[in-house]
Amino acid sequence: MARILILYSTTDGQTLRICQRLQAVVQPLGHEATVLPIDQSAQVDLAGFDKIVVGASIRYGKHSPIVFEFARRNQALLDTKPNAFFTVNVVARKPEKNEPATNPYMRKFLKLSAWTPRELGVFAGKIDYPKYDTVDRMVIRFIMWMTKGPTQPDAVVEFTDWAKVEAFGHVVAQMQ
């Protein structure tokens, strides 16, 4: 079967958890899956993998610049392989913003990136106020207040639809 590289850029760890769930879905299907932080991608032979998946979180409305740099630097190679990209953001908790065509961060990524991924996914993330430093907690609570999300300072709310993540894992497993 295929050797799959799953790269991630995460702020608070939820994107890593999603990548690990993707790995748990594809491995029983006979695939070998390696999960690595995207900043370690230069240390592996990307050409040695049959499929490449990139997952990236959003913080304050932006993907990490390293995600765009990876896409720019590796666009030619990515275009020769089955590949996928997914974004993780709390905006995706809303049904009208949880698909690639309707999620503002996915649309922004596709507009700004040199890479046009073959498969796209959007997953809602997690709010974990106790884990944030004071400034992040205040800013994120304000954003949640404006968007009618949870604002209790001790709230931990996971919005990720794990069945949707697993379905995406099956898409990854079947990519050709």
C-alpha atoms as a PDB file:
ATOM      1  CA  MET A   1       0.000   0.000   0.000  1.00  0.00           C
ATOM      2  CA  ALA A   2       0.965   3.671   0.191  1.00  0.00           C
ATOM      3  CA  ARG A   3       3.464   5.550   2.309  1.00  0.00           C
ATOM      4  CA  ILE A   4       1.625   8.649   3.534  1.00  0.00           C
ATOM      5  CA  LEU A   5       3.265  11.713   5.061  1.00  0.00           C
ATOM      6  CA  ILE A   6       0.973  13.774   7.277  1.00  0.00           C
ATOM      7  CA  LEU A   7       2.471  17.157   8.123  1.00  0.00           C
ATOM      8  CA  TYR A   8       0.967  19.602  10.569  1.00  0.00           C
ATOM      9  CA  SER A   9       1.200  23.151  11.832  1.00  0.00           C
ATOM     10  CA  THR A  10      -0.554  23.518  15.174  1.00  0.00           C
ATOM     11  CA  THR A  11      -0.907  26.230  17.765  1.00  0.00           C
ATOM     12  CA  ASP A  12      -2.474  24.402  20.692  1.00  0.00           C
ATOM     13  CA  GLY A  13      -2.274  20.748  19.631  1.00  0.00           C
ATOM     14  CA  GLN A  14      -5.706  20.067  18.104  1.00  0.00           C
ATOM     15  CA  THR A  15      -4.331  19.829  14.557  1.00  0.00           C
ATOM     16  CA  LEU A  16      -1.816  17.246  15.766  1.00  0.00           C
ATOM     17  CA  ARG A  17      -4.650  15.253  17.359  1.00  0.00           C
ATOM     18  CA  ILE A  18      -6.533  15.354  14.050  1.00  0.00           C
ATOM     19  CA  CYS A  19      -3.423  14.161  12.197  1.00  0.00           C
ATOM     20  CA  GLN A  20      -3.018  11.313  14.652  1.00  0.00           C
ATOM     21  CA  ARG A  21      -6.646  10.303  14.060  1.00  0.00           C
ATOM     22  CA  LEU A  22      -6.037  10.337  10.290  1.00  0.00           C
ATOM     23  CA  GLN A  23      -3.030   8.088  10.891  1.00  0.00           C
ATOM     24  CA  ALA A  24      -5.201   5.759  12.992  1.00  0.00           C
ATOM     25  CA  VAL A  25      -7.714   5.534  10.127  1.00  0.00           C
ATOM     26  CA  VAL A  26      -5.289   4.859   7.258  1.00  0.00           C
ATOM     27  CA  GLN A  27      -2.951   2.395   8.969  1.00  0.00           C
ATOM     28  CA  PRO A  28      -5.517  -0.411   9.461  1.00  0.00           C
ATOM     29  CA  LEU A  29      -6.283  -0.013   5.754  1.00  0.00           C
ATOM     30  CA  GLY A  30      -2.738  -1.160   5.014  1.00  0.00           C
ATOM     31  CA  HIS A  31      -1.033   2.207   4.609  1.00  0.00           C
ATOM     32  CA  GLU A  32       2.095   3.383   6.388  1.00  0.00           C
ATOM     33  CA  ALA A  33       1.542   6.868   7.820  1.00  0.00           C
ATOM     34  CA  THR A  34       4.144   9.203   9.295  1.00  0.00           C
ATOM     35  CA  VAL A  35       3.039  12.291  11.243  1.00  0.00           C
ATOM     36  CA  LEU A  36       5.532  15.154  11.533  1.00  0.00           C
ATOM     37  CA  PRO A  37       5.498  18.871  12.311  1.00  0.00           C
ATOM     38  CA  ILE A  38       5.751  20.807   9.067  1.00  0.00           C
ATOM     39  CA  ASP A  39       8.893  22.559  10.289  1.00  0.00           C
ATOM     40  CA  GLN A  40      10.644  19.160  10.166  1.00  0.00           C
ATOM     41  CA  SER A  41       9.633  18.488   6.548  1.00  0.00           C
ATOM     42  CA  ALA A  42      13.061  19.491   5.213  1.00  0.00           C
ATOM     43  CA  GLN A  43      14.574  16.632   7.224  1.00  0.00           C
ATOM     44  CA  VAL A  44      12.695  13.909   5.309  1.00  0.00           C
ATOM     45  CA  ASP A  45      12.735  12.808   1.688  1.00  0.00           C
ATOM     46  CA  LEU A  46       9.317  14.001   0.532  1.00  0.00           C
ATOM     47  CA  ALA A  47       9.762  12.162  -2.765  1.00  0.00           C
ATOM     48  CA  GLY A  48       9.896   8.888  -0.815  1.00  0.00           C
ATOM     49  CA  PHE A  49       6.236   9.222   0.150  1.00  0.00           C
ATOM     50  CA  ASP A  50       3.356   8.247  -2.111  1.00  0.00           C
ATOM     51  CA  LYS A  51       0.878  10.758  -0.669  1.00  0.00           C
ATOM     52  CA  ILE A  52       1.277  13.987   1.264  1.00  0.00           C
ATOM     53  CA  VAL A  53      -1.278  15.577   3.587  1.00  0.00           C
ATOM     54  CA  VAL A  54      -0.871  18.948   5.275  1.00  0.00           C
ATOM     55  CA  GLY A  55      -2.993  20.139   8.193  1.00  0.00           C
ATOM     56  CA  ALA A  56      -2.804  23.683   9.518  1.00  0.00           C
ATOM     57  CA  SER A  57      -4.438  25.544  12.362  1.00  0.00           C
ATOM     58  CA  ILE A  58      -5.627  29.120  12.410  1.00  0.00           C
ATOM     59  CA  ARG A  59      -4.700  31.650  15.062  1.00  0.00           C
ATOM     60  CA  TYR A  60      -6.039  35.183  14.830  1.00  0.00           C
ATOM     61  CA  GLY A  61      -7.273  34.622  11.306  1.00  0.00           C
ATOM     62  CA  LYS A  62      -4.071  33.293   9.758  1.00  0.00           C
ATOM     63  CA  HIS A  63      -2.277  30.087   8.915  1.00  0.00           C
ATOM     64  CA  SER A  64       1.364  29.996   9.971  1.00  0.00           C
ATOM     65  CA  PRO A  65       3.731  31.451   7.352  1.00  0.00           C
ATOM     66  CA  ILE A  66       5.653  28.147   7.405  1.00  0.00           C
ATOM     67  CA  VAL A  67       2.659  26.461   5.745  1.00  0.00           C
ATOM     68  CA  PHE A  68       2.811  28.868   2.799  1.00  0.00           C
ATOM     69  CA  GLU A  69       6.592  28.516   2.633  1.00  0.00           C
ATOM     70  CA  PHE A  70       6.309  24.716   2.546  1.00  0.00           C
ATOM     71  CA  ALA A  71       3.716  24.932  -0.242  1.00  0.00           C
ATOM     72  CA  ARG A  72       5.836  27.365  -2.264  1.00  0.00           C
ATOM     73  CA  ARG A  73       9.043  25.395  -1.841  1.00  0.00           C
ATOM     74  CA  ASN A  74       7.443  22.025  -2.632  1.00  0.00           C
ATOM     75  CA  GLN A  75       4.689  22.891  -5.117  1.00  0.00           C
ATOM     76  CA  ALA A  76       6.246  20.991  -8.034  1.00  0.00           C
ATOM     77  CA  LEU A  77       6.662  17.819  -5.969  1.00  0.00           C
ATOM     78  CA  LEU A  78       3.206  18.121  -4.417  1.00  0.00           C
ATOM     79  CA  ASP A  79       1.676  18.407  -7.877  1.00  0.00           C
ATOM     80  CA  THR A  80       3.141  15.001  -8.825  1.00  0.00           C
ATOM     81  CA  LYS A  81       1.519  13.126  -5.926  1.00  0.00           C
ATOM     82  CA  PRO A  82      -1.890  12.552  -4.439  1.00  0.00           C
ATOM     83  CA  ASN A  83      -2.145  15.296  -1.834  1.00  0.00           C
ATOM     84  CA  ALA A  84      -4.539  16.943   0.572  1.00  0.00           C
ATOM     85  CA  PHE A  85      -4.789  20.003   2.762  1.00  0.00           C
ATOM     86  CA  PHE A  86      -7.038  20.661   5.711  1.00  0.00           C
ATOM     87  CA  THR A  87      -7.527  23.650   7.960  1.00  0.00           C
ATOM     88  CA  VAL A  88      -8.543  23.616  11.612  1.00  0.00           C
ATOM     89  CA  ASN A  89     -10.378  26.619  12.970  1.00  0.00           C
ATOM     90  CA  VAL A  90     -13.119  27.452  15.432  1.00  0.00           C
ATOM     91  CA  VAL A  91     -15.143  29.297  12.770  1.00  0.00           C
ATOM     92  CA  ALA A  92     -15.810  25.837  11.299  1.00  0.00           C
ATOM     93  CA  ARG A  93     -18.030  25.115  14.323  1.00  0.00           C
ATOM     94  CA  LYS A  94     -20.738  26.885  12.352  1.00  0.00           C
ATOM     95  CA  PRO A  95     -22.511  24.677   9.779  1.00  0.00           C
ATOM     96  CA  GLU A  96     -22.434  27.427   7.159  1.00  0.00           C
ATOM     97  CA  LYS A  97     -18.622  27.690   7.447  1.00  0.00           C
ATOM     98  CA  ASN A  98     -17.482  24.078   7.819  1.00  0.00           C
ATOM     99  CA  GLU A  99     -16.887  23.104   4.195  1.00  0.00           C
ATOM    100  CA  PRO A 100     -13.976  24.044   1.902  1.00  0.00           C
ATOM    101  CA  ALA A 101     -16.178  26.226  -0.320  1.00  0.00           C
ATOM    102  CA  THR A 102     -17.682  28.125   2.631  1.00  0.00           C
ATOM    103  CA  ASN A 103     -14.832  28.377   5.119  1.00  0.00           C
ATOM    104  CA  PRO A 104     -13.172  31.790   4.918  1.00  0.00           C
ATOM    105  CA  TYR A 105      -9.766  30.471   5.999  1.00  0.00           C
ATOM    106  CA  MET A 106      -9.728  27.750   3.364  1.00  0.00           C
ATOM    107  CA  ARG A 107     -10.717  30.259   0.694  1.00  0.00           C
ATOM    108  CA  LYS A 108      -7.978  32.606   1.914  1.00  0.00           C
ATOM    109  CA  PHE A 109      -5.404  29.790   1.894  1.00  0.00           C
ATOM    110  CA  LEU A 110      -6.287  28.815  -1.673  1.00  0.00           C
ATOM    111  CA  LYS A 111      -6.056  32.442  -2.787  1.00  0.00           C
ATOM    112  CA  LEU A 112      -2.666  33.052  -1.165  1.00  0.00           C
ATOM    113  CA  SER A 113      -0.975  29.694  -1.683  1.00  0.00           C
ATOM    114  CA  ALA A 114       1.122  28.638  -4.634  1.00  0.00           C
ATOM    115  CA  TRP A 115      -0.266  25.115  -4.163  1.00  0.00           C
ATOM    116  CA  THR A 116      -3.707  23.910  -5.194  1.00  0.00           C
ATOM    117  CA  PRO A 117      -4.330  20.764  -3.127  1.00  0.00           C
ATOM    118  CA  ARG A 118      -6.301  17.948  -4.748  1.00  0.00           C
ATOM    119  CA  GLU A 119      -8.373  17.132  -1.644  1.00  0.00           C
ATOM    120  CA  LEU A 120      -9.561  19.665   0.913  1.00  0.00           C
ATOM    121  CA  GLY A 121     -10.892  19.364   4.442  1.00  0.00           C
ATOM    122  CA  VAL A 122     -12.174  21.760   7.076  1.00  0.00           C
ATOM    123  CA  PHE A 123     -12.456  20.798  10.730  1.00  0.00           C
ATOM    124  CA  ALA A 124     -13.617  22.733  13.728  1.00  0.00           C
ATOM    125  CA  GLY A 125     -11.012  23.110  16.428  1.00  0.00           C
ATOM    126  CA  LYS A 126     -11.067  23.476  20.176  1.00  0.00           C
ATOM    127  CA  ILE A 127     -11.290  26.282  22.710  1.00  0.00           C
ATOM    128  CA  ASP A 128      -9.200  25.679  25.837  1.00  0.00           C
ATOM    129  CA  TYR A 129      -9.172  28.883  27.868  1.00  0.00           C
ATOM    130  CA  PRO A 130      -7.230  27.475  30.866  1.00  0.00           C
ATOM    131  CA  LYS A 131      -4.372  26.558  28.516  1.00  0.00           C
ATOM    132  CA  TYR A 132      -4.017  30.058  27.028  1.00  0.00           C
ATOM    133  CA  ASP A 133      -1.866  32.833  28.419  1.00  0.00           C
ATOM    134  CA  THR A 134      -3.662  35.947  29.670  1.00  0.00           C
ATOM    135  CA  VAL A 135      -3.496  37.902  26.405  1.00  0.00           C
ATOM    136  CA  ASP A 136      -4.656  34.993  24.212  1.00  0.00           C
ATOM    137  CA  ARG A 137      -7.469  34.189  26.651  1.00  0.00           C
ATOM    138  CA  MET A 138      -8.711  37.797  26.549  1.00  0.00           C
ATOM    139  CA  VAL A 139      -8.459  38.127  22.768  1.00  0.00           C
ATOM    140  CA  ILE A 140     -10.062  34.762  22.035  1.00  0.00           C
ATOM    141  CA  ARG A 141     -12.866  35.398  24.545  1.00  0.00           C
ATOM    142  CA  PHE A 142     -13.545  38.714  22.798  1.00  0.00           C
ATOM    143  CA  ILE A 143     -13.615  37.016  19.392  1.00  0.00           C
ATOM    144  CA  MET A 144     -15.944  34.332  20.776  1.00  0.00           C
ATOM    145  CA  TRP A 145     -18.192  36.996  22.312  1.00  0.00           C
ATOM    146  CA  MET A 146     -18.431  38.733  18.924  1.00  0.00           C
ATOM    147  CA  THR A 147     -19.194  35.443  17.141  1.00  0.00           C
ATOM    148  CA  LYS A 148     -21.554  34.069  19.826  1.00  0.00           C
ATOM    149  CA  GLY A 149     -19.166  31.348  20.989  1.00  0.00           C
ATOM    150  CA  PRO A 150     -18.226  30.194  24.492  1.00  0.00           C
ATOM    151  CA  THR A 151     -16.700  32.894  26.681  1.00  0.00           C
ATOM    152  CA  GLN A 152     -16.480  31.377  30.171  1.00  0.00           C
ATOM    153  CA  PRO A 153     -12.813  31.819  31.202  1.00  0.00           C
ATOM    154  CA  ASP A 154     -12.535  28.201  32.382  1.00  0.00           C
ATOM    155  CA  ALA A 155     -14.305  26.652  29.370  1.00  0.00           C
ATOM    156  CA  VAL A 156     -12.790  23.810  27.383  1.00  0.00           C
ATOM    157  CA  VAL A 157     -14.936  23.116  24.334  1.00  0.00           C
ATOM    158  CA  GLU A 158     -13.990  20.693  21.597  1.00  0.00           C
ATOM    159  CA  PHE A 159     -15.873  21.391  18.375  1.00  0.00           C
ATOM    160  CA  THR A 160     -14.076  18.774  16.243  1.00  0.00           C
ATOM    161  CA  ASP A 161     -16.402  16.366  14.454  1.00  0.00           C
ATOM    162  CA  TRP A 162     -14.341  13.177  14.731  1.00  0.00           C
ATOM    163  CA  ALA A 163     -16.610  11.258  12.338  1.00  0.00           C
ATOM    164  CA  LYS A 164     -15.859  13.911   9.710  1.00  0.00           C
ATOM    165  CA  VAL A 165     -12.135  13.549  10.422  1.00  0.00           C
ATOM    166  CA  GLU A 166     -12.387   9.770  10.000  1.00  0.00           C
ATOM    167  CA  ALA A 167     -14.299  10.182   6.725  1.00  0.00           C
ATOM    168  CA  PHE A 168     -11.471  12.431   5.500  1.00  0.00           C
ATOM    169  CA  GLY A 169      -9.020   9.701   6.525  1.00  0.00           C
ATOM    170  CA  HIS A 170     -10.835   7.344   4.146  1.00  0.00           C
ATOM    171  CA  VAL A 171     -10.562   9.962   1.394  1.00  0.00           C
ATOM    172  CA  VAL A 172      -6.803  10.152   2.053  1.00  0.00           C
ATOM    173  CA  ALA A 173      -6.507   6.382   1.986  1.00  0.00           C
ATOM    174  CA  GLN A 174      -8.253   6.241  -1.404  1.00  0.00           C
ATOM    175  CA  MET A 175      -6.442   9.166  -3.060  1.00  0.00           C
ATOM    176  CA  GLN A 176      -4.730   8.217  -6.305  1.00  0.00           C
END
